[in-house]
Amino acid sequence: MLTNNYSGVILSIVIDNHVHFMEGGQEMTDTKLLREAIDKSGMSITFISNEIGISREALYKKISNITEFKASEITKLSKILSLSNKSRDGIFFGTKVI
C-alpha cells in the first residue's frame, strides 16, 4: 500500500506489515551509511541505545527505517558517533556526502 500526503513530499509504504517513511521517494535514514558509522565506532548497539535513551529494539527499527528518528535522537547519535555535519546530513537527510 502506498499513500501520499497532500503536499506530495512524505510517502509511507507498508511492506511486510511495517510502515516505511520516505521523502521524495527516498527512505529517510541511509541504513548502510549509519551501520558503517556504528561499526567504525566500535560501540555496541546496546551501548548506543542506552546513551540515546531508547531500547535496542527501538534503535534497530529506526536504523532499518521501520520508525523514524526524532531530532533529539539524531543529535545524540551524531555526538556519540562523532559524525561531521556532512556525514549526519548524508545519513539522516539524504544529502550526498562528498
N, C-alpha and C. Protein backbone atom coordinates (compact mmCIF):
# COMPACT_ATOMS: atom_id res chain seq x y z
N MET A 1 0.84 -1.16 0.00
CA MET A 1 0.00 0.00 0.00
C MET A 1 0.89 1.24 0.00
N LEU A 2 0.66 2.15 -0.89
CA LEU A 2 1.43 3.38 -0.99
C LEU A 2 0.48 4.53 -0.75
N THR A 3 0.83 5.38 0.21
CA THR A 3 -0.01 6.54 0.49
C THR A 3 0.80 7.80 0.30
N ASN A 4 0.11 8.88 0.10
CA ASN A 4 0.77 10.14 -0.16
C ASN A 4 0.02 11.22 0.59
N ASN A 5 0.71 12.11 1.30
CA ASN A 5 0.00 13.21 1.95
C ASN A 5 -0.27 14.30 0.93
N TYR A 6 -0.97 15.35 1.33
CA TYR A 6 -1.39 16.37 0.39
C TYR A 6 -0.23 17.15 -0.22
N SER A 7 0.87 17.30 0.49
CA SER A 7 1.99 18.06 -0.06
C SER A 7 2.78 17.26 -1.08
N GLY A 8 2.63 15.94 -1.06
CA GLY A 8 3.34 15.10 -2.02
C GLY A 8 4.80 14.87 -1.66
N VAL A 9 5.21 15.29 -0.45
CA VAL A 9 6.61 15.16 -0.09
C VAL A 9 6.86 13.88 0.72
N ILE A 10 6.06 13.62 1.73
CA ILE A 10 6.28 12.46 2.58
C ILE A 10 5.39 11.32 2.09
N LEU A 11 6.01 10.19 1.85
CA LEU A 11 5.29 8.99 1.44
C LEU A 11 5.47 7.93 2.51
N SER A 12 4.46 7.08 2.67
CA SER A 12 4.64 5.93 3.54
C SER A 12 4.26 4.71 2.73
N ILE A 13 5.00 3.64 2.95
CA ILE A 13 4.75 2.41 2.23
C ILE A 13 4.76 1.27 3.23
N VAL A 14 3.80 0.38 3.11
CA VAL A 14 3.71 -0.76 4.02
C VAL A 14 4.28 -1.98 3.31
N ILE A 15 5.34 -2.53 3.89
CA ILE A 15 5.99 -3.73 3.36
C ILE A 15 6.11 -4.71 4.52
N ASP A 16 5.61 -5.90 4.33
CA ASP A 16 5.68 -6.93 5.36
C ASP A 16 5.17 -6.41 6.70
N ASN A 17 4.05 -5.70 6.67
CA ASN A 17 3.40 -5.16 7.86
C ASN A 17 4.21 -4.10 8.58
N HIS A 18 5.19 -3.49 7.94
CA HIS A 18 5.96 -2.41 8.53
C HIS A 18 5.75 -1.16 7.68
N VAL A 19 5.61 -0.02 8.36
CA VAL A 19 5.44 1.24 7.65
C VAL A 19 6.82 1.85 7.47
N HIS A 20 7.16 2.18 6.23
CA HIS A 20 8.42 2.81 5.90
C HIS A 20 8.11 4.24 5.45
N PHE A 21 8.76 5.22 6.05
CA PHE A 21 8.54 6.60 5.67
C PHE A 21 9.61 7.02 4.69
N MET A 22 9.18 7.74 3.69
CA MET A 22 10.10 8.15 2.64
C MET A 22 9.88 9.63 2.34
N GLU A 23 10.89 10.30 1.91
CA GLU A 23 10.78 11.69 1.50
C GLU A 23 11.19 11.76 0.05
N GLY A 24 10.30 12.23 -0.79
CA GLY A 24 10.60 12.33 -2.21
C GLY A 24 10.97 10.98 -2.80
N GLY A 25 10.38 9.90 -2.28
CA GLY A 25 10.66 8.57 -2.80
C GLY A 25 11.90 7.93 -2.20
N GLN A 26 12.58 8.58 -1.28
CA GLN A 26 13.80 8.06 -0.66
C GLN A 26 13.53 7.75 0.80
N GLU A 27 14.08 6.66 1.32
CA GLU A 27 13.97 6.40 2.75
C GLU A 27 14.75 7.48 3.48
N MET A 28 14.24 7.86 4.65
CA MET A 28 14.83 8.98 5.38
C MET A 28 16.24 8.68 5.90
N THR A 29 16.45 7.51 6.47
CA THR A 29 17.76 7.17 7.02
C THR A 29 18.50 6.26 6.06
N ASP A 30 19.76 6.59 5.78
CA ASP A 30 20.58 5.73 4.94
C ASP A 30 21.15 4.64 5.84
N THR A 31 20.48 3.49 5.85
CA THR A 31 20.82 2.38 6.74
C THR A 31 22.27 1.95 6.56
N LYS A 32 22.72 1.85 5.33
CA LYS A 32 24.08 1.38 5.08
C LYS A 32 25.12 2.33 5.69
N LEU A 33 24.94 3.64 5.45
CA LEU A 33 25.89 4.61 6.00
C LEU A 33 25.86 4.62 7.52
N LEU A 34 24.67 4.51 8.10
CA LEU A 34 24.57 4.53 9.56
C LEU A 34 25.23 3.29 10.15
N ARG A 35 24.98 2.13 9.56
CA ARG A 35 25.62 0.91 10.08
C ARG A 35 27.14 0.97 9.95
N GLU A 36 27.63 1.56 8.87
CA GLU A 36 29.08 1.72 8.71
C GLU A 36 29.63 2.62 9.81
N ALA A 37 28.94 3.70 10.13
CA ALA A 37 29.39 4.61 11.19
C ALA A 37 29.38 3.91 12.55
N ILE A 38 28.37 3.11 12.80
CA ILE A 38 28.29 2.37 14.06
C ILE A 38 29.42 1.35 14.14
N ASP A 39 29.63 0.61 13.06
CA ASP A 39 30.72 -0.38 13.04
C ASP A 39 32.07 0.29 13.25
N LYS A 40 32.28 1.42 12.58
CA LYS A 40 33.54 2.15 12.69
C LYS A 40 33.78 2.65 14.12
N SER A 41 32.70 2.97 14.83
CA SER A 41 32.84 3.49 16.20
C SER A 41 33.30 2.42 17.18
N GLY A 42 33.00 1.15 16.87
CA GLY A 42 33.35 0.06 17.78
C GLY A 42 32.39 -0.07 18.95
N MET A 43 31.35 0.77 18.99
CA MET A 43 30.38 0.72 20.08
C MET A 43 29.28 -0.28 19.75
N SER A 44 28.73 -0.87 20.80
CA SER A 44 27.65 -1.83 20.61
C SER A 44 26.31 -1.11 20.46
N ILE A 45 25.37 -1.79 19.84
CA ILE A 45 24.02 -1.26 19.71
C ILE A 45 23.42 -1.04 21.10
N THR A 46 23.71 -1.93 22.03
CA THR A 46 23.20 -1.80 23.40
C THR A 46 23.72 -0.51 24.03
N PHE A 47 25.02 -0.25 23.92
CA PHE A 47 25.61 0.96 24.49
C PHE A 47 24.98 2.19 23.84
N ILE A 48 24.91 2.20 22.52
CA ILE A 48 24.38 3.37 21.80
C ILE A 48 22.92 3.61 22.18
N SER A 49 22.12 2.56 22.21
CA SER A 49 20.70 2.74 22.55
C SER A 49 20.54 3.27 23.97
N ASN A 50 21.36 2.79 24.90
CA ASN A 50 21.31 3.30 26.27
C ASN A 50 21.69 4.77 26.33
N GLU A 51 22.69 5.17 25.58
CA GLU A 51 23.12 6.57 25.55
C GLU A 51 22.04 7.49 24.97
N ILE A 52 21.31 6.98 23.98
CA ILE A 52 20.24 7.75 23.36
C ILE A 52 19.00 7.77 24.26
N GLY A 53 18.82 6.70 25.03
CA GLY A 53 17.67 6.61 25.92
C GLY A 53 16.50 5.85 25.33
N ILE A 54 16.82 4.91 24.40
CA ILE A 54 15.78 4.08 23.80
C ILE A 54 16.22 2.62 23.91
N SER A 55 15.29 1.71 23.67
CA SER A 55 15.63 0.28 23.72
C SER A 55 16.42 -0.13 22.48
N ARG A 56 17.09 -1.28 22.59
CA ARG A 56 17.80 -1.83 21.43
C ARG A 56 16.84 -2.05 20.27
N GLU A 57 15.68 -2.59 20.59
CA GLU A 57 14.69 -2.87 19.56
C GLU A 57 14.25 -1.60 18.84
N ALA A 58 14.04 -0.54 19.61
CA ALA A 58 13.65 0.75 19.01
C ALA A 58 14.75 1.27 18.10
N LEU A 59 16.01 1.12 18.53
CA LEU A 59 17.13 1.58 17.70
C LEU A 59 17.21 0.77 16.41
N TYR A 60 17.05 -0.54 16.49
CA TYR A 60 17.07 -1.37 15.27
C TYR A 60 15.95 -0.95 14.31
N LYS A 61 14.77 -0.65 14.84
CA LYS A 61 13.66 -0.22 13.98
C LYS A 61 13.98 1.11 13.30
N LYS A 62 14.62 2.00 14.02
CA LYS A 62 14.97 3.30 13.44
C LYS A 62 16.07 3.15 12.39
N ILE A 63 17.06 2.33 12.67
CA ILE A 63 18.15 2.10 11.71
C ILE A 63 17.58 1.49 10.43
N SER A 64 16.59 0.62 10.56
CA SER A 64 16.01 -0.09 9.42
C SER A 64 14.88 0.67 8.74
N ASN A 65 14.63 1.92 9.14
CA ASN A 65 13.56 2.74 8.55
C ASN A 65 12.17 2.21 8.80
N ILE A 66 11.99 1.44 9.86
CA ILE A 66 10.65 1.00 10.23
C ILE A 66 9.95 2.13 10.99
N THR A 67 10.72 2.81 11.84
CA THR A 67 10.25 4.01 12.51
C THR A 67 11.27 5.11 12.29
N GLU A 68 10.88 6.36 12.54
CA GLU A 68 11.76 7.49 12.27
C GLU A 68 12.54 7.90 13.52
N PHE A 69 13.71 8.44 13.31
CA PHE A 69 14.47 9.06 14.38
C PHE A 69 13.85 10.41 14.71
N LYS A 70 13.81 10.75 16.00
CA LYS A 70 13.43 12.09 16.43
C LYS A 70 14.65 12.98 16.26
N ALA A 71 14.43 14.29 16.17
CA ALA A 71 15.54 15.23 16.03
C ALA A 71 16.51 15.10 17.21
N SER A 72 15.98 14.94 18.41
CA SER A 72 16.84 14.82 19.60
C SER A 72 17.69 13.55 19.53
N GLU A 73 17.16 12.49 18.96
CA GLU A 73 17.91 11.24 18.82
C GLU A 73 19.01 11.38 17.77
N ILE A 74 18.73 12.10 16.71
CA ILE A 74 19.75 12.35 15.68
C ILE A 74 20.89 13.16 16.28
N THR A 75 20.55 14.17 17.08
CA THR A 75 21.58 14.99 17.73
C THR A 75 22.45 14.14 18.66
N LYS A 76 21.82 13.32 19.49
CA LYS A 76 22.58 12.47 20.42
C LYS A 76 23.44 11.47 19.67
N LEU A 77 22.86 10.83 18.66
CA LEU A 77 23.60 9.82 17.89
C LEU A 77 24.77 10.45 17.15
N SER A 78 24.58 11.64 16.63
CA SER A 78 25.66 12.34 15.93
C SER A 78 26.83 12.61 16.87
N LYS A 79 26.52 12.99 18.11
CA LYS A 79 27.57 13.24 19.10
C LYS A 79 28.26 11.95 19.51
N ILE A 80 27.47 10.92 19.77
CA ILE A 80 28.03 9.63 20.19
C ILE A 80 28.98 9.07 19.13
N LEU A 81 28.56 9.17 17.86
CA LEU A 81 29.36 8.62 16.76
C LEU A 81 30.37 9.62 16.20
N SER A 82 30.41 10.82 16.76
CA SER A 82 31.31 11.88 16.29
C SER A 82 31.15 12.14 14.79
N LEU A 83 29.90 12.25 14.35
CA LEU A 83 29.62 12.48 12.94
C LEU A 83 29.83 13.95 12.58
N SER A 84 30.44 14.19 11.45
CA SER A 84 30.51 15.55 10.93
C SER A 84 29.11 15.95 10.47
N ASN A 85 28.90 17.24 10.27
CA ASN A 85 27.59 17.69 9.78
C ASN A 85 27.27 17.07 8.42
N LYS A 86 28.28 16.95 7.56
CA LYS A 86 28.06 16.35 6.25
C LYS A 86 27.67 14.88 6.37
N SER A 87 28.36 14.16 7.24
CA SER A 87 28.02 12.74 7.43
C SER A 87 26.63 12.60 8.03
N ARG A 88 26.33 13.42 9.04
CA ARG A 88 25.00 13.39 9.65
C ARG A 88 23.92 13.63 8.60
N ASP A 89 24.12 14.66 7.79
CA ASP A 89 23.12 15.00 6.77
C ASP A 89 22.99 13.89 5.73
N GLY A 90 24.10 13.26 5.38
CA GLY A 90 24.06 12.16 4.42
C GLY A 90 23.31 10.97 4.96
N ILE A 91 23.47 10.70 6.23
CA ILE A 91 22.81 9.55 6.85
C ILE A 91 21.32 9.81 7.08
N PHE A 92 21.00 10.96 7.64
CA PHE A 92 19.63 11.20 8.10
C PHE A 92 18.75 12.02 7.17
N PHE A 93 19.35 12.76 6.25
CA PHE A 93 18.55 13.68 5.45
C PHE A 93 18.75 13.49 3.94
N GLY A 94 19.41 12.40 3.57
CA GLY A 94 19.55 12.08 2.15
C GLY A 94 20.42 13.03 1.37
N THR A 95 21.29 13.78 2.07
CA THR A 95 22.21 14.69 1.41
C THR A 95 23.47 13.91 1.07
N LYS A 96 23.90 13.95 -0.16
CA LYS A 96 25.09 13.20 -0.55
C LYS A 96 26.31 13.75 0.16
N VAL A 97 27.14 12.83 0.64
CA VAL A 97 28.38 13.20 1.31
C VAL A 97 29.50 13.12 0.29
N ILE A 98 30.24 14.22 0.15
CA ILE A 98 31.35 14.26 -0.82
C ILE A 98 32.66 14.26 -0.07
